[in-house]
N, C-alpha and C. Protein backbone atom coordinates (compact mmCIF):
# COMPACT_ATOMS: atom_id res chain seq x y z
N MET A 1 71.39 -9.75 -5.41
CA MET A 1 70.45 -10.74 -4.47
C MET A 1 69.52 -9.88 -3.77
N ILE A 2 68.06 -10.58 -3.71
CA ILE A 2 67.45 -9.96 -3.19
C ILE A 2 67.39 -10.34 -1.24
N MET A 3 67.05 -9.06 -0.71
CA MET A 3 67.35 -9.26 0.77
C MET A 3 65.91 -9.16 1.46
N ILE A 4 65.63 -9.97 2.47
CA ILE A 4 64.72 -9.96 3.12
C ILE A 4 64.49 -9.50 4.63
N HIS A 5 64.80 -8.30 4.76
CA HIS A 5 64.74 -7.91 5.98
C HIS A 5 63.94 -8.18 7.13
N LYS A 6 62.50 -8.03 6.66
CA LYS A 6 61.56 -7.95 7.54
C LYS A 6 60.39 -9.17 6.88
N ILE A 7 60.26 -9.85 7.75
CA ILE A 7 59.06 -10.77 7.50
C ILE A 7 57.68 -10.94 8.36
N LEU A 8 56.61 -10.75 7.85
CA LEU A 8 55.01 -10.52 8.39
C LEU A 8 54.67 -11.87 8.18
N PHE A 9 53.98 -12.23 9.59
CA PHE A 9 53.48 -13.61 9.51
C PHE A 9 52.03 -13.64 10.51
N PRO A 10 51.33 -13.02 9.92
CA PRO A 10 49.95 -12.54 10.37
C PRO A 10 49.12 -14.00 10.93
N VAL A 11 48.78 -13.85 12.29
CA VAL A 11 48.24 -15.06 12.91
C VAL A 11 46.79 -14.58 13.14
N ASP A 12 45.94 -15.71 13.08
CA ASP A 12 44.81 -15.45 13.56
C ASP A 12 44.32 -17.15 14.57
N PHE A 13 45.62 -17.16 15.11
CA PHE A 13 45.50 -18.41 16.62
C PHE A 13 44.55 -19.63 16.02
N SER A 14 44.13 -19.72 14.86
CA SER A 14 43.47 -20.99 13.90
C SER A 14 44.79 -22.04 14.34
N GLU A 15 44.20 -23.15 13.82
CA GLU A 15 45.02 -24.66 13.75
C GLU A 15 46.11 -24.10 12.43
N VAL A 16 45.71 -23.31 11.26
CA VAL A 16 46.66 -22.74 10.61
C VAL A 16 47.73 -22.51 11.18
N SER A 17 47.79 -21.40 11.70
CA SER A 17 48.76 -20.56 12.17
C SER A 17 50.26 -21.54 12.89
N SER A 18 49.59 -22.27 13.59
CA SER A 18 50.62 -23.17 14.28
C SER A 18 51.12 -24.35 13.18
N LYS A 19 50.05 -24.68 12.08
CA LYS A 19 50.93 -25.46 11.47
C LYS A 19 51.71 -24.94 10.31
N ILE A 20 51.57 -23.71 10.05
CA ILE A 20 52.50 -22.92 8.88
C ILE A 20 53.98 -22.59 9.78
N VAL A 21 54.02 -22.87 11.00
CA VAL A 21 55.38 -21.97 12.14
C VAL A 21 56.31 -22.92 11.11
N PRO A 22 56.48 -24.23 11.25
CA PRO A 22 57.58 -24.84 10.62
C PRO A 22 57.76 -24.25 9.13
N TRP A 23 57.42 -23.58 8.43
CA TRP A 23 57.66 -22.93 7.44
C TRP A 23 58.24 -21.86 7.44
N VAL A 24 57.98 -20.84 8.54
CA VAL A 24 57.75 -19.58 8.35
C VAL A 24 59.41 -19.51 8.92
N ILE A 25 59.74 -20.37 10.03
CA ILE A 25 60.85 -20.15 11.01
C ILE A 25 62.14 -20.20 10.07
N PRO A 26 62.27 -21.52 9.19
CA PRO A 26 63.20 -21.49 8.32
C PRO A 26 63.96 -20.57 7.36
N VAL A 27 62.75 -19.92 7.02
CA VAL A 27 62.51 -18.59 5.76
C VAL A 27 63.14 -17.54 6.49
N ALA A 28 62.75 -17.05 7.65
CA ALA A 28 63.62 -15.99 8.67
C ALA A 28 64.79 -16.45 8.96
N ARG A 29 65.04 -17.62 9.56
CA ARG A 29 66.55 -18.01 10.06
C ARG A 29 67.48 -17.96 8.63
N LYS A 30 67.06 -18.25 7.49
CA LYS A 30 67.76 -18.15 6.24
C LYS A 30 68.36 -16.84 5.72
N PHE A 31 67.32 -15.77 5.76
CA PHE A 31 67.79 -14.54 5.56
C PHE A 31 67.97 -13.71 7.00
N GLU A 32 68.02 -14.22 7.78
CA GLU A 32 68.22 -13.61 9.28
C GLU A 32 67.17 -12.21 9.11
N SER A 33 66.18 -12.70 9.03
CA SER A 33 64.98 -11.15 9.08
C SER A 33 64.62 -11.48 10.49
N GLU A 34 63.89 -10.07 10.89
CA GLU A 34 63.28 -9.50 11.49
C GLU A 34 61.65 -10.25 11.19
N LEU A 35 61.09 -10.76 12.46
CA LEU A 35 59.85 -11.67 12.16
C LEU A 35 58.80 -11.14 12.96
N HIS A 36 58.02 -10.62 12.02
CA HIS A 36 57.16 -9.86 12.81
C HIS A 36 55.72 -10.45 12.63
N LEU A 37 55.10 -10.75 14.22
CA LEU A 37 53.84 -11.43 14.62
C LEU A 37 52.62 -10.19 14.44
N LEU A 38 51.38 -10.92 13.40
CA LEU A 38 50.41 -9.74 13.84
C LEU A 38 49.28 -10.33 13.80
N PHE A 39 48.37 -10.06 14.96
CA PHE A 39 46.99 -10.54 14.94
C PHE A 39 46.01 -9.32 14.76
N VAL A 40 44.93 -9.36 14.27
CA VAL A 40 44.12 -8.48 13.74
C VAL A 40 42.75 -8.82 14.28
N ALA A 41 42.62 -8.03 15.35
CA ALA A 41 40.89 -8.19 15.98
C ALA A 41 40.03 -7.31 15.16
N ARG A 42 38.79 -7.93 14.93
CA ARG A 42 37.70 -7.46 14.20
C ARG A 42 37.20 -6.38 14.80
N ASN A 43 36.62 -5.16 14.13
CA ASN A 43 36.16 -4.07 14.25
C ASN A 43 34.69 -4.24 14.87
N LEU A 44 34.05 -4.04 15.98
CA LEU A 44 32.84 -4.02 16.21
C LEU A 44 31.90 -2.84 16.14
N GLN A 45 32.36 -1.79 15.55
CA GLN A 45 31.31 -0.73 15.44
C GLN A 45 30.20 -0.83 14.55
N TYR A 46 30.23 -1.88 13.74
CA TYR A 46 28.99 -2.04 12.92
C TYR A 46 27.52 -2.53 14.05
N PHE A 47 28.12 -2.66 15.40
CA PHE A 47 27.05 -3.11 16.18
C PHE A 47 26.01 -1.85 16.74
N ASP A 48 26.40 -0.59 16.50
CA ASP A 48 26.05 0.54 16.75
C ASP A 48 24.83 1.11 16.47
N SER A 49 24.52 0.00 15.02
CA SER A 49 23.32 0.28 14.75
C SER A 49 22.18 -0.39 15.14
N LEU A 50 22.58 -1.41 16.21
CA LEU A 50 21.69 -2.34 16.91
C LEU A 50 21.39 -1.72 18.35
N TYR A 51 21.42 -0.50 18.47
CA TYR A 51 21.42 0.36 19.73
C TYR A 51 21.92 -0.39 20.81
N VAL A 52 23.04 -1.16 20.78
CA VAL A 52 24.23 -1.55 21.62
C VAL A 52 25.08 -0.13 22.03
N PRO A 53 25.01 0.26 23.60
CA PRO A 53 25.71 1.48 23.85
C PRO A 53 26.91 1.45 23.19
N HIS A 54 27.50 2.82 22.75
CA HIS A 54 29.01 2.97 22.43
C HIS A 54 29.81 2.09 23.41
N ASP A 55 29.77 2.98 24.66
CA ASP A 55 30.49 2.47 25.59
C ASP A 55 31.11 1.30 25.83
N THR A 56 29.99 0.25 26.05
CA THR A 56 29.84 -1.06 25.81
C THR A 56 30.60 -1.71 24.54
N ILE A 57 30.38 -1.31 23.46
CA ILE A 57 31.16 -2.07 22.54
C ILE A 57 32.76 -1.15 22.55
N GLN A 58 32.58 -0.33 22.74
CA GLN A 58 34.37 0.30 23.40
C GLN A 58 34.78 -0.48 24.20
N SER A 59 34.31 -1.16 25.33
CA SER A 59 34.95 -1.68 26.15
C SER A 59 35.24 -2.74 25.75
N LEU A 60 34.36 -3.60 25.03
CA LEU A 60 34.63 -4.96 24.30
C LEU A 60 35.99 -4.63 23.58
N GLN A 61 35.95 -3.82 22.82
CA GLN A 61 36.78 -3.51 21.66
C GLN A 61 38.06 -3.69 22.58
N ASP A 62 38.16 -2.41 23.24
CA ASP A 62 39.49 -2.74 24.52
C ASP A 62 39.91 -3.79 25.19
N GLU A 63 38.68 -4.95 25.41
CA GLU A 63 39.09 -6.24 26.23
C GLU A 63 39.81 -7.33 25.11
N ILE A 64 38.89 -7.46 23.81
CA ILE A 64 39.27 -7.93 22.61
C ILE A 64 41.19 -7.48 22.32
N VAL A 65 41.76 -6.33 22.44
CA VAL A 65 42.98 -6.00 22.03
C VAL A 65 43.67 -6.25 23.40
N ARG A 66 42.99 -5.99 24.20
CA ARG A 66 44.29 -6.55 25.48
C ARG A 66 44.47 -7.96 25.55
N GLY A 67 43.63 -9.04 25.11
CA GLY A 67 43.53 -10.13 25.11
C GLY A 67 44.27 -10.81 23.90
N GLY A 68 44.05 -9.77 22.75
CA GLY A 68 45.06 -10.34 21.38
C GLY A 68 46.34 -10.24 21.70
N LYS A 69 46.90 -8.78 22.59
CA LYS A 69 48.05 -9.04 22.93
C LYS A 69 48.71 -10.02 23.65
N LYS A 70 47.94 -10.60 24.84
CA LYS A 70 48.43 -11.37 25.46
C LYS A 70 48.52 -12.55 24.76
N ARG A 71 47.73 -12.68 23.83
CA ARG A 71 47.20 -14.21 23.00
C ARG A 71 48.55 -14.30 21.97
N VAL A 72 48.75 -13.06 21.32
CA VAL A 72 50.17 -13.21 20.21
C VAL A 72 51.39 -13.40 21.06
N GLU A 73 51.62 -12.47 22.26
CA GLU A 73 53.10 -12.69 22.84
C GLU A 73 53.11 -14.26 23.63
N GLU A 74 51.90 -14.89 23.57
CA GLU A 74 52.07 -16.22 24.27
C GLU A 74 52.33 -17.10 22.87
N PHE A 75 51.44 -16.87 21.69
CA PHE A 75 52.03 -17.81 20.23
C PHE A 75 53.37 -17.47 20.14
N ALA A 76 54.19 -16.33 20.56
CA ALA A 76 55.45 -15.83 20.08
C ALA A 76 56.29 -16.66 21.40
N ARG A 77 55.97 -16.85 22.63
CA ARG A 77 56.83 -17.78 23.13
C ARG A 77 56.78 -19.25 22.74
N THR A 78 55.52 -19.63 22.79
CA THR A 78 55.12 -21.03 22.06
C THR A 78 55.87 -21.44 20.98
N TYR A 79 55.93 -20.91 19.85
CA TYR A 79 56.58 -21.24 18.43
C TYR A 79 57.70 -20.52 18.01
N CYS A 80 58.17 -19.50 18.42
CA CYS A 80 59.23 -18.79 17.75
C CYS A 80 60.20 -18.19 19.14
N ALA A 81 59.99 -18.90 20.44
CA ALA A 81 61.02 -19.06 21.54
C ALA A 81 62.61 -18.95 21.17
N ASP A 82 62.78 -19.89 20.09
CA ASP A 82 64.51 -19.80 20.00
C ASP A 82 64.79 -18.91 18.83
N TYR A 83 63.67 -18.22 18.58
CA TYR A 83 63.90 -17.12 17.01
C TYR A 83 64.21 -16.01 17.96
N LEU A 84 65.69 -15.20 17.85
CA LEU A 84 65.51 -13.91 18.61
C LEU A 84 64.88 -12.41 18.12
N THR A 85 64.65 -12.20 16.78
CA THR A 85 64.32 -11.34 16.35
C THR A 85 62.81 -11.69 15.99
N CYS A 86 61.98 -11.39 17.07
CA CYS A 86 60.23 -11.61 17.12
C CYS A 86 59.90 -10.31 17.46
N LYS A 87 59.19 -9.70 16.72
CA LYS A 87 58.07 -8.62 17.16
C LYS A 87 56.81 -9.18 16.83
N THR A 88 55.98 -8.35 18.07
CA THR A 88 54.41 -8.81 17.99
C THR A 88 53.76 -7.77 18.26
N SER A 89 52.57 -7.67 17.62
CA SER A 89 51.52 -6.35 17.34
C SER A 89 50.26 -7.15 17.08
N VAL A 90 49.36 -5.98 17.30
CA VAL A 90 48.01 -5.91 17.48
C VAL A 90 47.28 -4.79 16.74
N ALA A 91 46.32 -5.08 15.51
CA ALA A 91 45.90 -4.08 15.09
C ALA A 91 44.69 -4.41 15.20
N PHE A 92 43.22 -3.29 14.54
CA PHE A 92 42.04 -3.43 15.17
C PHE A 92 41.56 -2.79 13.50
N GLY A 93 40.53 -3.81 13.22
CA GLY A 93 39.59 -3.34 11.97
C GLY A 93 39.82 -4.84 11.16
N ASP A 94 39.54 -4.34 9.73
CA ASP A 94 39.30 -5.33 8.78
C ASP A 94 40.89 -5.79 8.55
N ALA A 95 40.77 -7.46 8.64
CA ALA A 95 42.04 -8.19 8.49
C ALA A 95 42.63 -7.86 7.54
N ALA A 96 42.40 -8.14 6.31
CA ALA A 96 43.43 -7.62 4.97
C ALA A 96 43.58 -6.38 5.25
N GLU A 97 42.89 -5.21 5.13
CA GLU A 97 43.39 -3.89 5.06
C GLU A 97 44.60 -3.38 6.56
N GLU A 98 44.24 -4.29 7.17
CA GLU A 98 45.03 -3.88 8.65
C GLU A 98 46.64 -4.45 8.44
N ILE A 99 46.80 -5.64 7.52
CA ILE A 99 47.92 -6.41 7.29
C ILE A 99 48.55 -5.69 6.24
N VAL A 100 47.89 -5.37 5.40
CA VAL A 100 48.72 -4.31 4.14
C VAL A 100 49.13 -2.92 4.67
N ARG A 101 47.79 -2.18 5.46
CA ARG A 101 48.70 -1.20 6.44
C ARG A 101 49.73 -1.66 7.43
N TYR A 102 49.98 -2.26 7.63
CA TYR A 102 51.22 -3.28 8.76
C TYR A 102 52.45 -2.98 7.67
N ILE A 103 52.10 -3.52 6.81
CA ILE A 103 53.46 -3.96 5.37
C ILE A 103 53.79 -2.83 5.03
N LYS A 104 53.23 -1.85 4.76
CA LYS A 104 53.42 -0.40 4.08
C LYS A 104 54.31 0.08 5.43
N SER A 105 53.52 0.41 6.65
CA SER A 105 54.12 1.19 7.70
C SER A 105 55.30 0.59 8.31
N GLU A 106 55.58 -0.56 8.24
CA GLU A 106 56.49 -1.40 8.72
C GLU A 106 57.77 -1.95 7.70
N GLU A 107 57.35 -1.42 6.59
CA GLU A 107 58.28 -1.69 5.56
C GLU A 107 59.03 -3.26 5.31
N ILE A 108 57.41 -3.96 5.24
CA ILE A 108 58.02 -5.41 5.19
C ILE A 108 58.42 -5.88 4.09
N ASP A 109 59.00 -7.03 3.94
CA ASP A 109 59.90 -7.40 2.44
C ASP A 109 59.06 -8.53 1.99
N LEU A 110 58.65 -9.28 2.76
CA LEU A 110 57.91 -10.73 2.21
C LEU A 110 56.59 -11.19 3.62
N VAL A 111 55.99 -11.45 3.16
CA VAL A 111 54.71 -11.77 3.83
C VAL A 111 54.37 -13.27 4.02
N ILE A 112 54.46 -13.97 4.87
CA ILE A 112 53.87 -15.39 4.71
C ILE A 112 52.57 -15.67 5.59
N ILE A 113 51.62 -16.10 5.02
CA ILE A 113 50.39 -16.09 5.38
C ILE A 113 49.71 -17.64 5.14
N GLY A 114 49.02 -17.84 6.00
CA GLY A 114 47.99 -18.96 6.40
C GLY A 114 46.89 -19.10 5.43
N THR A 115 46.31 -20.20 4.67
CA THR A 115 45.44 -20.03 4.22
C THR A 115 44.33 -21.41 4.86
N HIS A 116 43.03 -21.04 4.84
CA HIS A 116 42.46 -22.17 5.33
C HIS A 116 41.69 -23.23 4.40
N GLY A 117 41.84 -22.74 3.07
CA GLY A 117 41.46 -24.08 2.45
C GLY A 117 39.88 -23.59 1.88
N ARG A 118 39.38 -22.73 2.33
CA ARG A 118 37.66 -22.74 2.16
C ARG A 118 37.48 -23.07 0.74
N LYS A 119 36.33 -23.34 0.25
CA LYS A 119 35.81 -23.56 -0.82
C LYS A 119 34.67 -23.32 -1.26
N SER A 120 33.98 -22.85 -2.30
CA SER A 120 32.69 -22.45 -2.63
C SER A 120 31.76 -21.65 -1.64
N LEU A 121 30.87 -21.95 -1.34
CA LEU A 121 30.15 -20.97 -0.14
C LEU A 121 30.53 -20.71 1.06
N ASP A 122 31.73 -21.17 1.55
CA ASP A 122 32.02 -20.58 2.95
C ASP A 122 33.12 -19.40 2.15
N ARG A 123 33.76 -19.92 1.05
CA ARG A 123 34.49 -18.61 0.74
C ARG A 123 33.64 -17.49 0.26
N VAL A 124 32.59 -17.84 -0.33
CA VAL A 124 31.66 -16.43 -0.51
C VAL A 124 31.18 -15.87 0.44
N LEU A 125 30.78 -16.77 1.61
CA LEU A 125 30.54 -16.07 2.95
C LEU A 125 31.24 -15.39 3.87
N PHE A 126 32.62 -16.10 3.83
CA PHE A 126 33.40 -15.59 4.76
C PHE A 126 35.04 -14.82 3.94
N GLY A 127 34.99 -15.27 2.40
CA GLY A 127 36.11 -14.01 2.21
C GLY A 127 37.05 -15.05 2.25
N SER A 128 38.44 -14.34 1.54
CA SER A 128 39.66 -14.71 2.02
C SER A 128 40.47 -13.34 2.10
N VAL A 129 41.11 -13.87 3.76
CA VAL A 129 41.86 -12.56 3.64
C VAL A 129 43.00 -12.97 3.21
N ALA A 130 43.85 -14.18 3.21
CA ALA A 130 44.93 -14.25 2.36
C ALA A 130 44.84 -14.01 0.69
N ASP A 131 43.75 -13.84 0.37
CA ASP A 131 43.29 -13.63 -1.39
C ASP A 131 43.52 -12.06 -1.44
N SER A 132 42.77 -11.75 -0.37
CA SER A 132 42.74 -9.92 -0.39
C SER A 132 44.35 -9.52 -0.01
N VAL A 133 45.01 -10.06 0.74
CA VAL A 133 46.20 -9.40 0.95
C VAL A 133 47.30 -10.06 -0.27
N ILE A 134 47.22 -10.86 -0.80
CA ILE A 134 47.86 -11.24 -2.05
C ILE A 134 47.58 -10.35 -3.21
N LYS A 135 46.41 -9.75 -3.13
CA LYS A 135 46.31 -8.73 -4.33
C LYS A 135 46.19 -7.18 -3.74
N MET A 136 46.32 -6.98 -2.77
CA MET A 136 46.71 -5.80 -2.39
C MET A 136 48.50 -5.31 -1.60
N SER A 137 48.85 -6.41 -1.61
CA SER A 137 49.85 -6.32 -0.73
C SER A 137 51.06 -5.60 -1.62
N PRO A 138 51.96 -4.84 -1.18
CA PRO A 138 52.95 -4.04 -1.91
C PRO A 138 54.59 -4.82 -1.85
N ALA A 139 54.16 -6.22 -1.04
CA ALA A 139 55.60 -6.76 -0.44
C ALA A 139 55.07 -8.30 -1.25
N PRO A 140 55.88 -9.17 -1.79
CA PRO A 140 55.70 -10.50 -2.58
C PRO A 140 54.81 -11.35 -0.90
N VAL A 141 54.08 -11.99 -1.23
CA VAL A 141 53.30 -13.13 -0.52
C VAL A 141 53.71 -14.57 -0.53
N LEU A 142 54.01 -15.31 0.30
CA LEU A 142 53.36 -16.53 0.24
C LEU A 142 52.61 -17.30 1.13
N SER A 143 51.74 -17.97 0.22
CA SER A 143 50.60 -18.24 0.71
C SER A 143 50.52 -19.73 1.42
N ILE A 144 50.41 -20.45 2.14
CA ILE A 144 50.81 -21.84 2.61
C ILE A 144 49.31 -22.50 2.92
N ASN A 145 48.75 -23.40 2.65
CA ASN A 145 47.70 -24.17 2.79
C ASN A 145 48.40 -25.51 3.69
N PRO A 146 48.12 -25.73 4.80
CA PRO A 146 48.77 -26.55 5.40
C PRO A 146 47.65 -27.98 5.33
N TYR A 147 46.53 -27.94 4.98
CA TYR A 147 45.74 -28.71 4.40
C TYR A 147 46.01 -29.47 3.38
N ARG A 148 46.91 -28.81 2.40
CA ARG A 148 47.20 -29.55 1.05
C ARG A 148 48.86 -30.25 1.10
N ILE A 149 49.58 -29.67 1.93
CA ILE A 149 51.09 -30.38 2.11
C ILE A 149 50.89 -31.55 2.83
N LYS A 150 51.50 -32.65 1.86
CA LYS A 150 51.93 -33.81 1.98
C LYS A 150 52.11 -33.94 3.47
N GLY A 151 51.76 -34.71 4.33
CA GLY A 151 52.37 -35.38 5.69
C GLY A 151 51.59 -34.25 6.80
N LEU A 152 51.14 -32.92 6.22
CA LEU A 152 50.61 -32.27 7.49
C LEU A 152 49.22 -32.69 7.54
N SER A 153 48.40 -33.09 6.45
CA SER A 153 47.15 -32.86 6.19
C SER A 153 46.85 -34.00 6.65
N GLU A 154 47.65 -35.22 6.69
CA GLU A 154 46.89 -36.51 7.25
C GLU A 154 46.89 -36.46 8.58
């Protein structure tokens, strides 16, 4: 039998994250898994080319990480309070790359990730973190689009 000891649930604090919690918690309970919540803050280094001082960028990045830590802990208290083994983390950089790095470093057995259901031009412009994670992940990935689930999208 396949054992799922660690589940990663990347969160972006959008409506999607909270909408798929009802799918994440039961799976974690079923396998008595350790649940990991990960928020990835975007890297602001590309502003260096706009003559924004490095100290300003670094200060803003530090503030974003501090805010991300508070927010992911708040998310855990709000949605996972009755689930005992929930760990929170914040990473900094490209979301898909950092999620895959976390999967490898923490030896995650399953990833449950929400999708925004973007189509055509939005997808081309914004890309899809979920698609990239699915393609690069060494662990199985369950992707959930809450806007396609009957009863949740209404």
